[in-house]
């Protein structure tokens, strides 16, 4: 159940609505509202509200309308919001803001898997900007399979990312791994990335949804998540108050050892049917092989992805993290040129047909 609040509802009428909702749901906590393209809304589980209470709820002066999408994910559903969400990245810091989603050209996010040093990051940041990337990626905190592998520079890495943004005017995306670090990472970064290992870390999803700066969240697909599980994870973030969610297809686990994961590109056009949220693809983690990254980048844009997130390193063979899947700035330049040409061609064909 989604309750849309009247734009002209007074503070008193809103307070009456919130008090009424707390009574009929038995909630001991404040009800969360989310500002969507359709207006300010509240999402609830309709199964806990009986028909009589539903009728009384619809009579509240602050209620504009009540809708009941048939999907378990409500606010993320295209049934509720048919228009594509367009999310602005970088409007909270002094940098060049980027819009992702809708008819905007695909956004290229690139940089090293991990922030290794000041010199490495700044040189890579300038290189990816020159190659045409619009957002700088880099891991300050690195969840690794082995506890003996490089885990990132932590807070120092966040500070270096902020310094790189100042030097290049590129917005920054970096991973957050625990609820207690959300506000800290949001202070330094323009986009909070939630990785595949944390795709169903519900306390982290809620914290990202409640981050005080309303930073956009890039939510990667879980290692073995179904589409519905992925969208419900996004629903956690939106229902907590943050509508700025970007979905990232990064491959799902299989038994084959030739590639790191199986890149499920069918998810991209399917998600565009199911949700209004932007969808990007990570061809680095999905393939695990740098020679496959260019062709899968083109394939992702052909599947109508709203962007790409690609690992780039000045010397991939010496990278402290995921060097096998990292490309050089020279290859990134080619990918940017090819994918933009493909995106323009696809857009021109659509306009001709229309």
Foldseek 3Di string as FASTA:
>chain_A
DKWAFDPPDDPVLVVVLQVLVCVQQVDPDGFEWAQDPVGIMADDDCVSHDPVSVVVSCPRPGTPDDDDDPAPQDPFFCVNPVAFDWDWFDPVDQFDIDIFADLDAAAEEEEAAADDDLVFRLVRLVLLVVLPHQAYEHEQAADDPDPPADGHVHLVRLVSQLVSCVVHRHFYEYEDDDLVCLQVSVVRHQEYEHDQVCLPVLSNLLSLLQHPVLRAYEREHHQADDPSSNSVSLSSSRNSHRNRYEYEQEAHDDPDPQFQHAGDLVVQLVSSNTGSHAYEYELQNHGLAQVCSLVVLQVNVVSVHRYYYAYAGCQLVPDSPSSRSHHYSVVSSVSVVNSSVSNVVVVVVVVVVD
